[in-house]
């Protein structure tokens, strides 16, 4: 987030410097807005040009691309705007050098002016802003949820008998009889004879009771 803010400030400052540069002196006191955009491709002439058809046009386009790149947080757009400003500035210098025979830098207002420095500085700030920006955050893809464990079907083996018997359902008789269920009638047999029988004392006659007779 902080990188995007710093990069956006640098990019906007560079675009402002680039747009402002044609209104400054470029060579021998001649402003950049006086150079026709067509002269950059055919050769520099002494004929002036209107502001709209001057070198200001590509710089204004670069500023528009910069604003769009800042809004979209696109490093590619900001870098492209910086390359446009740098490319047209270098092309102008080549054409002026061909027309003048050489390029000179003088402190008395002759030769290269501060408008060229503003254009170069704006291009550097645009490229630096694109380098500082972190761009748009990448979208994280959601990983698919792991498959749920399949439930046992009726065709599979029966679950084990609870209570730690270790025997599957339907094969062991509860209540400790140890006899299997009747698989045909699905009925539960009685306990084995004598397993849980309680001896019953035969009834006594009244005369046999203690204290009688």
N, C-alpha and C. Protein backbone atom coordinates (compact mmCIF):
# COMPACT_ATOMS: atom_id res chain seq x y z
N UNK A 1 0.83 -1.20 0.00
CA UNK A 1 0.00 0.00 0.00
C UNK A 1 0.87 1.25 0.00
N UNK A 2 1.90 1.30 0.87
CA UNK A 2 2.77 2.47 0.95
C UNK A 2 3.56 2.63 -0.34
N UNK A 3 3.99 1.51 -0.91
CA UNK A 3 4.74 1.58 -2.17
C UNK A 3 3.88 2.15 -3.29
N UNK A 4 2.62 1.79 -3.34
CA UNK A 4 1.73 2.34 -4.36
C UNK A 4 1.54 3.83 -4.18
N UNK A 5 1.44 4.29 -2.93
CA UNK A 5 1.26 5.72 -2.69
C UNK A 5 2.50 6.50 -3.11
N UNK A 6 3.68 6.02 -2.69
CA UNK A 6 4.93 6.70 -3.06
C UNK A 6 5.14 6.68 -4.57
N UNK A 7 4.90 5.53 -5.18
CA UNK A 7 5.06 5.44 -6.63
C UNK A 7 4.09 6.33 -7.38
N UNK A 8 2.87 6.44 -6.88
CA UNK A 8 1.88 7.31 -7.53
C UNK A 8 2.28 8.77 -7.43
N UNK A 9 2.82 9.18 -6.28
CA UNK A 9 3.26 10.58 -6.12
C UNK A 9 4.41 10.88 -7.08
N UNK A 10 5.36 9.96 -7.18
CA UNK A 10 6.47 10.16 -8.12
C UNK A 10 5.98 10.23 -9.56
N UNK A 11 5.05 9.34 -9.91
CA UNK A 11 4.54 9.32 -11.29
C UNK A 11 3.78 10.60 -11.63
N UNK A 12 2.95 11.06 -10.70
CA UNK A 12 2.20 12.29 -10.96
C UNK A 12 3.13 13.50 -11.03
N UNK A 13 4.16 13.52 -10.20
CA UNK A 13 5.13 14.62 -10.28
C UNK A 13 5.88 14.59 -11.61
N UNK A 14 6.22 13.39 -12.07
CA UNK A 14 6.89 13.29 -13.36
C UNK A 14 6.00 13.73 -14.52
N UNK A 15 4.72 13.35 -14.46
CA UNK A 15 3.80 13.77 -15.53
C UNK A 15 3.62 15.28 -15.53
N UNK A 16 3.57 15.89 -14.35
CA UNK A 16 3.43 17.35 -14.26
C UNK A 16 4.65 18.05 -14.85
N UNK A 17 5.83 17.53 -14.51
CA UNK A 17 7.04 18.14 -15.05
C UNK A 17 7.11 17.99 -16.57
N UNK A 18 6.66 16.86 -17.08
CA UNK A 18 6.69 16.65 -18.53
C UNK A 18 5.74 17.60 -19.26
N UNK A 19 4.54 17.79 -18.71
CA UNK A 19 3.57 18.68 -19.36
C UNK A 19 4.02 20.14 -19.26
N UNK A 20 4.68 20.48 -18.18
CA UNK A 20 5.12 21.86 -17.99
C UNK A 20 6.35 22.19 -18.85
N UNK A 21 7.12 21.18 -19.23
CA UNK A 21 8.39 21.44 -19.92
C UNK A 21 8.24 22.15 -21.27
N UNK A 22 7.20 21.89 -22.10
CA UNK A 22 7.11 22.61 -23.37
C UNK A 22 6.92 24.12 -23.22
N UNK A 23 6.52 24.56 -22.05
CA UNK A 23 6.31 26.00 -21.84
C UNK A 23 7.59 26.67 -21.32
N UNK A 24 8.68 25.93 -21.29
CA UNK A 24 9.97 26.46 -20.92
C UNK A 24 10.88 26.46 -22.15
N UNK A 25 12.01 27.12 -22.04
CA UNK A 25 12.96 27.21 -23.15
C UNK A 25 13.65 25.87 -23.36
N UNK A 26 13.71 25.46 -24.63
CA UNK A 26 14.35 24.19 -24.95
C UNK A 26 15.71 24.41 -25.61
N UNK A 27 15.78 25.36 -26.56
CA UNK A 27 17.07 25.59 -27.21
C UNK A 27 17.12 27.03 -27.71
N UNK A 28 18.17 27.70 -27.29
CA UNK A 28 18.38 29.12 -27.67
C UNK A 28 17.16 29.96 -27.32
N UNK A 29 16.54 29.67 -26.23
CA UNK A 29 15.39 30.45 -25.78
C UNK A 29 14.08 30.09 -26.45
N UNK A 30 14.11 29.17 -27.36
CA UNK A 30 12.89 28.77 -28.07
C UNK A 30 12.16 27.73 -27.23
N UNK A 31 10.90 27.97 -26.96
CA UNK A 31 10.11 27.08 -26.12
C UNK A 31 9.78 25.79 -26.87
N UNK A 32 9.54 24.77 -26.07
CA UNK A 32 9.18 23.48 -26.67
C UNK A 32 7.85 23.51 -27.38
N UNK A 33 6.95 24.37 -26.95
CA UNK A 33 5.64 24.46 -27.61
C UNK A 33 5.75 25.10 -28.99
N UNK A 34 6.94 25.60 -29.37
CA UNK A 34 7.13 26.21 -30.68
C UNK A 34 7.64 25.20 -31.70
N UNK A 35 7.92 23.99 -31.24
CA UNK A 35 8.39 22.94 -32.15
C UNK A 35 7.19 22.07 -32.55
N UNK A 36 6.95 22.01 -33.85
CA UNK A 36 5.83 21.20 -34.35
C UNK A 36 6.15 19.73 -34.18
N UNK A 37 5.11 18.94 -33.89
CA UNK A 37 5.31 17.52 -33.68
C UNK A 37 5.79 16.83 -34.96
N UNK A 38 5.38 17.40 -36.13
CA UNK A 38 5.83 16.81 -37.39
C UNK A 38 7.30 17.03 -37.65
N UNK A 39 7.88 18.13 -37.06
CA UNK A 39 9.30 18.40 -37.29
C UNK A 39 10.19 17.33 -36.65
N UNK A 40 9.67 16.62 -35.66
CA UNK A 40 10.47 15.57 -35.02
C UNK A 40 10.70 14.39 -35.95
N UNK A 41 9.88 14.26 -37.00
CA UNK A 41 10.00 13.13 -37.93
C UNK A 41 10.57 13.56 -39.29
N UNK A 42 10.41 14.85 -39.63
CA UNK A 42 10.90 15.32 -40.93
C UNK A 42 12.12 16.22 -40.83
N UNK A 43 12.33 16.80 -39.68
CA UNK A 43 13.48 17.70 -39.51
C UNK A 43 13.03 19.02 -38.91
N UNK A 44 13.88 19.60 -38.07
CA UNK A 44 13.56 20.86 -37.40
C UNK A 44 13.66 22.01 -38.40
N UNK A 45 12.63 22.87 -38.40
CA UNK A 45 12.60 24.07 -39.23
C UNK A 45 12.44 25.29 -38.34
N UNK A 46 12.57 26.44 -38.93
CA UNK A 46 12.40 27.68 -38.17
C UNK A 46 10.95 28.09 -38.04
N UNK A 47 10.05 27.38 -38.67
CA UNK A 47 8.64 27.73 -38.63
C UNK A 47 8.05 27.32 -37.29
N UNK A 48 7.33 28.25 -36.70
CA UNK A 48 6.72 27.96 -35.41
C UNK A 48 5.50 27.06 -35.56
N UNK A 49 4.93 26.68 -34.42
CA UNK A 49 3.77 25.78 -34.41
C UNK A 49 2.84 26.20 -33.29
N UNK A 50 1.58 25.85 -33.42
CA UNK A 50 0.63 26.10 -32.35
C UNK A 50 0.89 25.16 -31.18
N UNK A 51 0.28 25.52 -30.05
CA UNK A 51 0.50 24.72 -28.84
C UNK A 51 -0.07 23.31 -29.00
N UNK A 52 -1.24 23.20 -29.62
CA UNK A 52 -1.90 21.90 -29.75
C UNK A 52 -1.09 20.96 -30.62
N UNK A 53 -0.48 21.45 -31.68
CA UNK A 53 0.27 20.60 -32.60
C UNK A 53 1.74 20.54 -32.28
N UNK A 54 2.13 20.96 -31.10
CA UNK A 54 3.54 20.98 -30.74
C UNK A 54 3.93 19.72 -29.99
N UNK A 55 5.14 19.73 -29.45
CA UNK A 55 5.64 18.60 -28.69
C UNK A 55 4.84 18.38 -27.42
N UNK A 56 4.01 19.36 -27.08
CA UNK A 56 3.14 19.19 -25.91
C UNK A 56 2.16 18.03 -26.09
N UNK A 57 1.79 17.71 -27.32
CA UNK A 57 0.78 16.68 -27.57
C UNK A 57 1.19 15.31 -27.03
N UNK A 58 2.37 14.77 -27.35
CA UNK A 58 2.73 13.46 -26.77
C UNK A 58 2.91 13.51 -25.26
N UNK A 59 3.36 14.67 -24.75
CA UNK A 59 3.53 14.77 -23.31
C UNK A 59 2.18 14.78 -22.59
N UNK A 60 1.20 15.44 -23.18
CA UNK A 60 -0.14 15.44 -22.59
C UNK A 60 -0.74 14.03 -22.64
N UNK A 61 -0.50 13.32 -23.73
CA UNK A 61 -0.97 11.93 -23.81
C UNK A 61 -0.29 11.08 -22.74
N UNK A 62 1.00 11.28 -22.53
CA UNK A 62 1.70 10.54 -21.49
C UNK A 62 1.14 10.86 -20.10
N UNK A 63 0.77 12.11 -19.87
CA UNK A 63 0.18 12.47 -18.57
C UNK A 63 -1.17 11.78 -18.38
N UNK A 64 -1.96 11.69 -19.45
CA UNK A 64 -3.25 11.01 -19.34
C UNK A 64 -3.05 9.52 -19.04
N UNK A 65 -2.08 8.89 -19.69
CA UNK A 65 -1.78 7.48 -19.42
C UNK A 65 -1.30 7.31 -17.99
N UNK A 66 -0.55 8.28 -17.48
CA UNK A 66 -0.06 8.20 -16.11
C UNK A 66 -1.21 8.23 -15.11
N UNK A 67 -2.14 9.14 -15.31
CA UNK A 67 -3.30 9.20 -14.40
C UNK A 67 -4.08 7.89 -14.44
N UNK A 68 -4.26 7.34 -15.63
CA UNK A 68 -4.97 6.07 -15.74
C UNK A 68 -4.19 4.95 -15.04
N UNK A 69 -2.88 4.96 -15.18
CA UNK A 69 -2.06 3.94 -14.52
C UNK A 69 -2.09 4.07 -13.01
N UNK A 70 -2.14 5.28 -12.49
CA UNK A 70 -2.23 5.48 -11.04
C UNK A 70 -3.58 5.00 -10.51
N UNK A 71 -4.64 5.30 -11.23
CA UNK A 71 -5.97 4.86 -10.78
C UNK A 71 -6.07 3.34 -10.79
N UNK A 72 -5.55 2.73 -11.83
CA UNK A 72 -5.60 1.27 -11.94
C UNK A 72 -4.44 0.58 -11.22
N UNK A 73 -3.54 1.36 -10.65
CA UNK A 73 -2.33 0.81 -10.00
C UNK A 73 -1.58 -0.13 -10.95
N UNK A 74 -1.42 0.38 -12.18
CA UNK A 74 -0.75 -0.41 -13.21
C UNK A 74 0.66 0.13 -13.41
N UNK A 75 1.63 -0.68 -13.09
CA UNK A 75 3.02 -0.29 -13.31
C UNK A 75 3.35 -0.21 -14.80
N UNK A 76 2.70 -1.05 -15.60
CA UNK A 76 2.98 -1.07 -17.03
C UNK A 76 2.58 0.25 -17.70
N UNK A 77 1.42 0.78 -17.33
CA UNK A 77 0.97 2.04 -17.93
C UNK A 77 1.87 3.19 -17.53
N UNK A 78 2.26 3.24 -16.26
CA UNK A 78 3.13 4.33 -15.81
C UNK A 78 4.49 4.24 -16.50
N UNK A 79 5.03 3.04 -16.62
CA UNK A 79 6.30 2.88 -17.31
C UNK A 79 6.19 3.26 -18.79
N UNK A 80 5.06 2.94 -19.42
CA UNK A 80 4.86 3.30 -20.83
C UNK A 80 4.81 4.81 -21.00
N UNK A 81 4.18 5.51 -20.04
CA UNK A 81 4.15 6.97 -20.11
C UNK A 81 5.55 7.55 -19.99
N UNK A 82 6.36 6.99 -19.09
CA UNK A 82 7.74 7.46 -18.97
C UNK A 82 8.55 7.24 -20.23
N UNK A 83 8.34 6.11 -20.89
CA UNK A 83 9.07 5.84 -22.13
C UNK A 83 8.64 6.78 -23.25
N UNK A 84 7.36 7.17 -23.27
CA UNK A 84 6.89 8.11 -24.30
C UNK A 84 7.57 9.46 -24.13
N UNK A 85 7.62 9.96 -22.89
CA UNK A 85 8.27 11.25 -22.63
C UNK A 85 9.76 11.18 -22.97
N UNK A 86 10.41 10.11 -22.52
CA UNK A 86 11.85 9.98 -22.78
C UNK A 86 12.12 9.83 -24.28
N UNK A 87 11.29 9.05 -24.96
CA UNK A 87 11.51 8.83 -26.39
C UNK A 87 11.38 10.10 -27.21
N UNK A 88 10.35 10.90 -26.96
CA UNK A 88 10.16 12.12 -27.74
C UNK A 88 11.22 13.16 -27.39
N UNK A 89 11.69 13.17 -26.16
CA UNK A 89 12.75 14.11 -25.79
C UNK A 89 14.05 13.76 -26.51
N UNK A 90 14.40 12.47 -26.52
CA UNK A 90 15.61 12.04 -27.22
C UNK A 90 15.48 12.29 -28.72
N UNK A 91 14.29 12.05 -29.30
CA UNK A 91 14.08 12.29 -30.72
C UNK A 91 14.24 13.77 -31.05
N UNK A 92 13.75 14.63 -30.17
CA UNK A 92 13.92 16.08 -30.39
C UNK A 92 15.40 16.45 -30.36
N UNK A 93 16.15 15.90 -29.43
CA UNK A 93 17.57 16.22 -29.34
C UNK A 93 18.32 15.77 -30.60
N UNK A 94 17.93 14.63 -31.14
CA UNK A 94 18.57 14.15 -32.37
C UNK A 94 18.29 15.10 -33.52
N UNK A 95 17.05 15.54 -33.65
CA UNK A 95 16.70 16.43 -34.76
C UNK A 95 17.34 17.80 -34.60
N UNK A 96 17.38 18.30 -33.38
CA UNK A 96 18.02 19.61 -33.16
C UNK A 96 19.52 19.51 -33.42
N UNK A 97 20.13 18.41 -33.01
CA UNK A 97 21.55 18.24 -33.29
C UNK A 97 21.84 18.17 -34.76
N UNK A 98 20.95 17.56 -35.54
CA UNK A 98 21.12 17.52 -36.98
C UNK A 98 20.97 18.90 -37.59
N UNK A 99 20.02 19.69 -37.07
CA UNK A 99 19.76 21.02 -37.63
C UNK A 99 20.85 22.02 -37.24
N UNK A 100 21.34 21.95 -36.01
CA UNK A 100 22.32 22.92 -35.52
C UNK A 100 23.75 22.46 -35.73
N UNK A 101 23.94 21.20 -36.03
CA UNK A 101 25.28 20.68 -36.19
C UNK A 101 25.85 20.14 -34.90
N UNK A 102 25.39 20.65 -33.75
CA UNK A 102 25.85 20.20 -32.45
C UNK A 102 24.92 20.78 -31.39
N UNK A 103 24.99 20.18 -30.23
CA UNK A 103 24.20 20.66 -29.10
C UNK A 103 25.15 21.26 -28.08
N UNK A 104 24.82 22.45 -27.63
CA UNK A 104 25.66 23.13 -26.65
C UNK A 104 24.83 23.45 -25.42
N UNK A 105 25.53 23.56 -24.31
CA UNK A 105 24.91 23.95 -23.05
C UNK A 105 25.62 25.20 -22.58
N UNK A 106 24.86 26.27 -22.39
CA UNK A 106 25.45 27.54 -21.99
C UNK A 106 24.62 28.15 -20.87
N UNK A 107 25.27 28.89 -20.03
CA UNK A 107 24.57 29.52 -18.92
C UNK A 107 23.94 30.84 -19.27
N UNK A 108 24.17 31.36 -20.46
CA UNK A 108 23.61 32.67 -20.84
C UNK A 108 22.31 32.54 -21.61
N UNK A 109 21.66 31.37 -21.54
CA UNK A 109 20.38 31.21 -22.23
C UNK A 109 20.51 30.61 -23.60
N UNK A 110 21.73 30.38 -24.05
CA UNK A 110 21.92 29.76 -25.35
C UNK A 110 22.09 28.26 -25.17
N UNK A 111 21.80 27.51 -26.22
CA UNK A 111 21.91 26.06 -26.14
C UNK A 111 20.71 25.45 -25.43
N UNK A 112 20.94 24.31 -24.84
CA UNK A 112 19.85 23.57 -24.17
C UNK A 112 19.34 24.36 -22.98
N UNK A 113 18.02 24.43 -22.87
CA UNK A 113 17.39 25.16 -21.78
C UNK A 113 16.82 24.24 -20.71
N UNK A 114 16.18 24.85 -19.73
CA UNK A 114 15.63 24.07 -18.60
C UNK A 114 14.41 23.26 -18.99
N UNK A 115 13.80 23.57 -20.13
CA UNK A 115 12.66 22.77 -20.57
C UNK A 115 13.06 21.33 -20.87
N UNK A 116 14.25 21.15 -21.46
CA UNK A 116 14.75 19.81 -21.74
C UNK A 116 15.03 19.08 -20.42
N UNK A 117 15.59 19.81 -19.46
CA UNK A 117 15.86 19.19 -18.15
C UNK A 117 14.56 18.76 -17.48
N UNK A 118 13.51 19.58 -17.61
CA UNK A 118 12.21 19.19 -17.04
C UNK A 118 11.65 17.94 -17.71
N UNK A 119 11.82 17.86 -19.02
CA UNK A 119 11.31 16.69 -19.74
C UNK A 119 12.07 15.44 -19.32
N UNK A 120 13.40 15.53 -19.24
CA UNK A 120 14.19 14.36 -18.80
C UNK A 120 13.86 14.00 -17.35
N UNK A 121 13.75 15.01 -16.51
CA UNK A 121 13.41 14.74 -15.11
C UNK A 121 12.03 14.10 -14.96
N UNK A 122 11.07 14.56 -15.76
CA UNK A 122 9.73 13.96 -15.71
C UNK A 122 9.75 12.50 -16.14
N UNK A 123 10.54 12.18 -17.19
CA UNK A 123 10.63 10.80 -17.65
C UNK A 123 11.27 9.91 -16.58
N UNK A 124 12.31 10.42 -15.91
CA UNK A 124 12.97 9.63 -14.86
C UNK A 124 12.01 9.40 -13.70
N UNK A 125 11.26 10.42 -13.31
CA UNK A 125 10.30 10.25 -12.20
C UNK A 125 9.20 9.25 -12.56
N UNK A 126 8.77 9.26 -13.80
CA UNK A 126 7.75 8.29 -14.22
C UNK A 126 8.28 6.87 -14.16
N UNK A 127 9.47 6.66 -14.66
CA UNK A 127 10.05 5.31 -14.62
C UNK A 127 10.34 4.88 -13.18
N UNK A 128 10.78 5.83 -12.36
CA UNK A 128 11.05 5.51 -10.96
C UNK A 128 9.75 5.19 -10.22
N UNK A 129 8.68 5.93 -10.54
CA UNK A 129 7.39 5.64 -9.91
C UNK A 129 6.87 4.27 -10.29
N UNK A 130 7.05 3.88 -11.56
CA UNK A 130 6.63 2.54 -11.97
C UNK A 130 7.45 1.47 -11.27
N UNK A 131 8.72 1.76 -11.01
CA UNK A 131 9.58 0.79 -10.32
C UNK A 131 9.20 0.66 -8.85
N UNK A 132 8.79 1.75 -8.22
CA UNK A 132 8.46 1.73 -6.80
C UNK A 132 7.09 1.10 -6.55
N UNK A 133 6.16 1.34 -7.44
CA UNK A 133 4.81 0.82 -7.25
C UNK A 133 4.82 -0.70 -7.15
N UNK A 134 3.96 -1.20 -6.28
CA UNK A 134 3.85 -2.66 -6.13
C UNK A 134 2.78 -3.25 -7.04
N UNK A 135 1.97 -2.40 -7.65
CA UNK A 135 0.94 -2.90 -8.56
C UNK A 135 -0.29 -3.40 -7.81
N UNK A 136 -1.18 -3.98 -8.56
CA UNK A 136 -2.41 -4.50 -7.98
C UNK A 136 -2.13 -5.82 -7.28
N UNK A 137 -2.83 -6.05 -6.14
CA UNK A 137 -2.62 -7.33 -5.44
C UNK A 137 -3.15 -8.48 -6.25
N UNK A 138 -2.46 -9.60 -6.17
CA UNK A 138 -2.88 -10.79 -6.90
C UNK A 138 -4.04 -11.46 -6.19
N UNK A 139 -4.96 -11.91 -6.99
CA UNK A 139 -6.11 -12.61 -6.42
C UNK A 139 -5.71 -14.00 -5.99
N UNK A 140 -6.13 -14.36 -4.77
CA UNK A 140 -5.83 -15.68 -4.23
C UNK A 140 -6.93 -16.65 -4.64
N UNK A 141 -6.52 -17.72 -5.22
CA UNK A 141 -7.49 -18.74 -5.59
C UNK A 141 -7.82 -19.61 -4.39
N UNK A 142 -9.10 -19.87 -4.25
CA UNK A 142 -9.55 -20.70 -3.15
C UNK A 142 -9.27 -22.16 -3.45
N UNK A 143 -8.63 -22.82 -2.53
CA UNK A 143 -8.35 -24.23 -2.70
C UNK A 143 -9.63 -25.05 -2.49
N UNK A 144 -9.86 -26.08 -3.30
CA UNK A 144 -11.07 -26.89 -3.10
C UNK A 144 -11.04 -27.62 -1.78
N UNK A 145 -12.21 -27.75 -1.19
CA UNK A 145 -12.31 -28.43 0.10
C UNK A 145 -11.99 -29.91 -0.07
N UNK A 146 -11.34 -30.50 0.93
CA UNK A 146 -11.03 -31.93 0.82
C UNK A 146 -12.30 -32.76 0.78
N UNK A 147 -12.29 -33.87 0.06
CA UNK A 147 -13.51 -34.69 -0.03
C UNK A 147 -13.89 -35.27 1.33
N UNK A 148 -15.17 -35.35 1.54
CA UNK A 148 -15.66 -35.92 2.78
C UNK A 148 -15.48 -37.43 2.78
N UNK A 149 -15.22 -38.01 3.94
CA UNK A 149 -15.09 -39.48 3.98
C UNK A 149 -16.40 -40.14 3.63
N UNK A 150 -16.30 -41.17 2.82
CA UNK A 150 -17.50 -41.87 2.37
C UNK A 150 -18.08 -42.71 3.51
N UNK A 151 -19.38 -42.72 3.57
CA UNK A 151 -20.07 -43.51 4.58
C UNK A 151 -20.14 -44.97 4.14
N UNK A 152 -20.06 -45.90 5.09
CA UNK A 152 -20.14 -47.33 4.70
C UNK A 152 -21.51 -47.66 4.11
N UNK A 153 -21.50 -48.43 3.08
CA UNK A 153 -22.73 -48.82 2.41
C UNK A 153 -23.20 -50.16 2.96
N UNK A 154 -24.41 -50.52 2.57
CA UNK A 154 -24.98 -51.77 3.02
C UNK A 154 -24.28 -52.98 2.41
N UNK A 155 -23.62 -52.73 1.25
CA UNK A 155 -22.94 -53.84 0.60
C UNK A 155 -21.60 -54.16 1.25
N UNK A 156 -21.08 -53.26 2.06
CA UNK A 156 -19.79 -53.47 2.66
C UNK A 156 -19.89 -54.33 3.90
N UNK A 157 -18.73 -54.55 4.54
CA UNK A 157 -18.74 -55.37 5.76
C UNK A 157 -19.48 -54.67 6.88
N UNK A 158 -20.17 -55.40 7.73
CA UNK A 158 -20.93 -54.78 8.81
C UNK A 158 -20.00 -54.21 9.85
N UNK A 159 -20.44 -53.15 10.53
CA UNK A 159 -19.59 -52.58 11.58
C UNK A 159 -19.44 -53.53 12.75
N UNK A 160 -18.44 -53.26 13.56
CA UNK A 160 -18.20 -54.13 14.68
C UNK A 160 -19.24 -53.92 15.78
N UNK A 161 -19.40 -54.97 16.56
CA UNK A 161 -20.32 -54.93 17.69
C UNK A 161 -19.80 -53.95 18.73
N UNK A 162 -20.63 -53.09 19.26
CA UNK A 162 -20.17 -52.17 20.30
C UNK A 162 -19.82 -52.89 21.59
N UNK A 163 -19.39 -52.13 22.52
CA UNK A 163 -19.03 -52.61 23.86
C UNK A 163 -17.82 -53.54 23.82
N UNK A 164 -16.97 -53.42 22.80
CA UNK A 164 -15.71 -54.12 22.80
C UNK A 164 -15.79 -55.61 22.56
N UNK A 165 -16.87 -56.12 21.98
CA UNK A 165 -16.96 -57.56 21.73
C UNK A 165 -16.13 -57.96 20.54
N UNK A 166 -15.93 -57.01 19.60
CA UNK A 166 -15.14 -57.34 18.43
C UNK A 166 -15.86 -58.22 17.43
N UNK A 167 -17.15 -58.46 17.58
CA UNK A 167 -17.91 -59.28 16.66
C UNK A 167 -18.86 -58.40 15.88
N UNK A 168 -19.07 -58.73 14.61
CA UNK A 168 -20.00 -57.92 13.81
C UNK A 168 -21.43 -58.13 14.27
N UNK A 169 -22.25 -57.14 13.92
CA UNK A 169 -23.66 -57.24 14.25
C UNK A 169 -24.29 -58.48 13.63
N UNK A 170 -25.22 -59.08 14.35
CA UNK A 170 -25.96 -60.22 13.83
C UNK A 170 -25.30 -61.54 14.07
N UNK A 171 -24.08 -61.55 14.62
CA UNK A 171 -23.40 -62.83 14.85
C UNK A 171 -23.28 -63.16 16.33
N UNK A 172 -23.40 -62.18 17.19
CA UNK A 172 -23.29 -62.44 18.62
C UNK A 172 -24.56 -62.08 19.35
N UNK A 173 -24.98 -62.86 20.30
CA UNK A 173 -26.19 -62.60 21.06
C UNK A 173 -25.87 -61.68 22.23
N UNK A 174 -26.59 -60.59 22.35
CA UNK A 174 -26.38 -59.77 23.53
C UNK A 174 -26.79 -60.52 24.80
N UNK A 175 -26.64 -59.89 25.88
CA UNK A 175 -27.02 -60.42 27.19
C UNK A 175 -26.18 -61.63 27.57
N UNK A 176 -25.06 -61.84 26.94
CA UNK A 176 -24.14 -62.88 27.38
C UNK A 176 -24.51 -64.28 27.01
N UNK A 177 -25.48 -64.54 26.14
CA UNK A 177 -25.87 -65.90 25.78
C UNK A 177 -24.85 -66.55 24.86
N UNK A 178 -24.19 -65.72 24.03
CA UNK A 178 -23.21 -66.27 23.11
C UNK A 178 -23.81 -67.04 21.97
N UNK A 179 -25.16 -67.01 21.82
CA UNK A 179 -25.80 -67.72 20.72
C UNK A 179 -26.12 -66.75 19.60
N UNK A 180 -26.00 -67.20 18.37
CA UNK A 180 -26.26 -66.27 17.25
C UNK A 180 -27.74 -66.03 17.08
N UNK A 181 -28.02 -64.92 16.44
CA UNK A 181 -29.39 -64.62 16.04
C UNK A 181 -29.86 -65.62 14.99
N UNK A 182 -31.16 -65.77 14.95
CA UNK A 182 -31.76 -66.58 13.88
C UNK A 182 -31.81 -65.71 12.64
N UNK A 183 -30.95 -66.02 11.66
CA UNK A 183 -30.86 -65.17 10.47
C UNK A 183 -32.10 -65.25 9.60
N UNK A 184 -32.93 -66.29 9.76
CA UNK A 184 -34.13 -66.40 8.93
C UNK A 184 -35.29 -65.64 9.54
N UNK A 185 -35.48 -65.80 10.82
CA UNK A 185 -36.62 -65.14 11.48
C UNK A 185 -36.24 -63.83 12.11
N UNK A 186 -34.91 -63.55 12.18
CA UNK A 186 -34.45 -62.34 12.81
C UNK A 186 -34.95 -62.23 14.24
N UNK A 187 -35.06 -63.37 14.90
CA UNK A 187 -35.57 -63.39 16.29
C UNK A 187 -34.43 -63.74 17.22
N UNK A 188 -34.58 -63.38 18.43
CA UNK A 188 -33.55 -63.60 19.43
C UNK A 188 -33.94 -64.78 20.29
N UNK A 189 -33.17 -65.87 20.32
CA UNK A 189 -33.54 -67.04 21.13
C UNK A 189 -33.39 -66.73 22.61
N UNK A 190 -34.01 -67.61 23.36
CA UNK A 190 -33.88 -67.49 24.81
C UNK A 190 -32.50 -67.93 25.23
N UNK A 191 -32.19 -67.62 26.43
CA UNK A 191 -30.88 -68.01 26.94
C UNK A 191 -30.76 -69.52 27.03
N UNK A 192 -29.57 -70.00 26.98
CA UNK A 192 -29.35 -71.44 27.04
C UNK A 192 -29.88 -72.00 28.34
N UNK A 193 -30.49 -73.17 28.28
CA UNK A 193 -31.06 -73.77 29.51
C UNK A 193 -29.97 -73.99 30.54
N UNK A 194 -30.35 -73.64 31.75
CA UNK A 194 -29.46 -73.86 32.88
C UNK A 194 -28.41 -72.79 33.04
N UNK A 195 -28.34 -71.88 32.05
CA UNK A 195 -27.29 -70.85 32.13
C UNK A 195 -27.64 -69.81 33.18
N UNK A 196 -28.91 -69.40 33.13
CA UNK A 196 -29.36 -68.38 34.07
C UNK A 196 -30.52 -68.89 34.91
N UNK A 197 -30.67 -70.23 35.07
CA UNK A 197 -31.77 -70.77 35.91
C UNK A 197 -31.49 -70.52 37.38
N UNK A 198 -32.54 -70.13 38.06
CA UNK A 198 -32.45 -69.90 39.52
C UNK A 198 -33.19 -71.03 40.21
N UNK A 199 -32.52 -71.74 41.10
CA UNK A 199 -33.24 -72.86 41.78
C UNK A 199 -34.42 -72.35 42.61
N UNK A 200 -35.52 -73.03 42.43
CA UNK A 200 -36.76 -72.66 43.13
C UNK A 200 -37.05 -73.73 44.19
N UNK A 201 -37.22 -73.28 45.39
CA UNK A 201 -37.52 -74.22 46.50
C UNK A 201 -38.98 -74.65 46.41
N UNK A 202 -39.24 -75.97 46.46
CA UNK A 202 -40.65 -76.43 46.37
C UNK A 202 -41.47 -75.92 47.56
N UNK A 203 -42.71 -75.67 47.30
CA UNK A 203 -43.57 -75.17 48.40
C UNK A 203 -43.72 -76.21 49.50
N UNK A 204 -43.79 -75.74 50.68
CA UNK A 204 -43.97 -76.59 51.86
C UNK A 204 -45.43 -76.59 52.30
N UNK A 205 -45.78 -77.67 52.95
CA UNK A 205 -47.12 -77.70 53.54
C UNK A 205 -47.13 -76.83 54.77
N UNK A 206 -48.34 -76.49 55.17
CA UNK A 206 -48.46 -75.63 56.34
C UNK A 206 -47.99 -76.36 57.59
N UNK A 207 -48.12 -77.70 57.59
CA UNK A 207 -47.72 -78.41 58.81
C UNK A 207 -46.21 -78.51 58.91
N UNK A 208 -45.51 -78.38 57.71
CA UNK A 208 -44.06 -78.49 57.75
C UNK A 208 -43.34 -77.21 58.13
N UNK A 209 -44.13 -76.10 58.21
CA UNK A 209 -43.50 -74.82 58.55
C UNK A 209 -43.04 -74.84 59.99
N UNK A 210 -42.01 -74.23 60.28
CA UNK A 210 -41.54 -74.17 61.67
C UNK A 210 -42.54 -73.49 62.59
N UNK A 211 -42.70 -74.04 63.75
CA UNK A 211 -43.60 -73.43 64.72
C UNK A 211 -45.02 -73.86 64.59
N UNK A 212 -45.29 -74.75 63.57
CA UNK A 212 -46.68 -75.22 63.39
C UNK A 212 -46.74 -76.68 63.83
N UNK A 213 -47.88 -77.14 63.96
CA UNK A 213 -48.10 -78.54 64.28
C UNK A 213 -48.28 -78.62 65.74
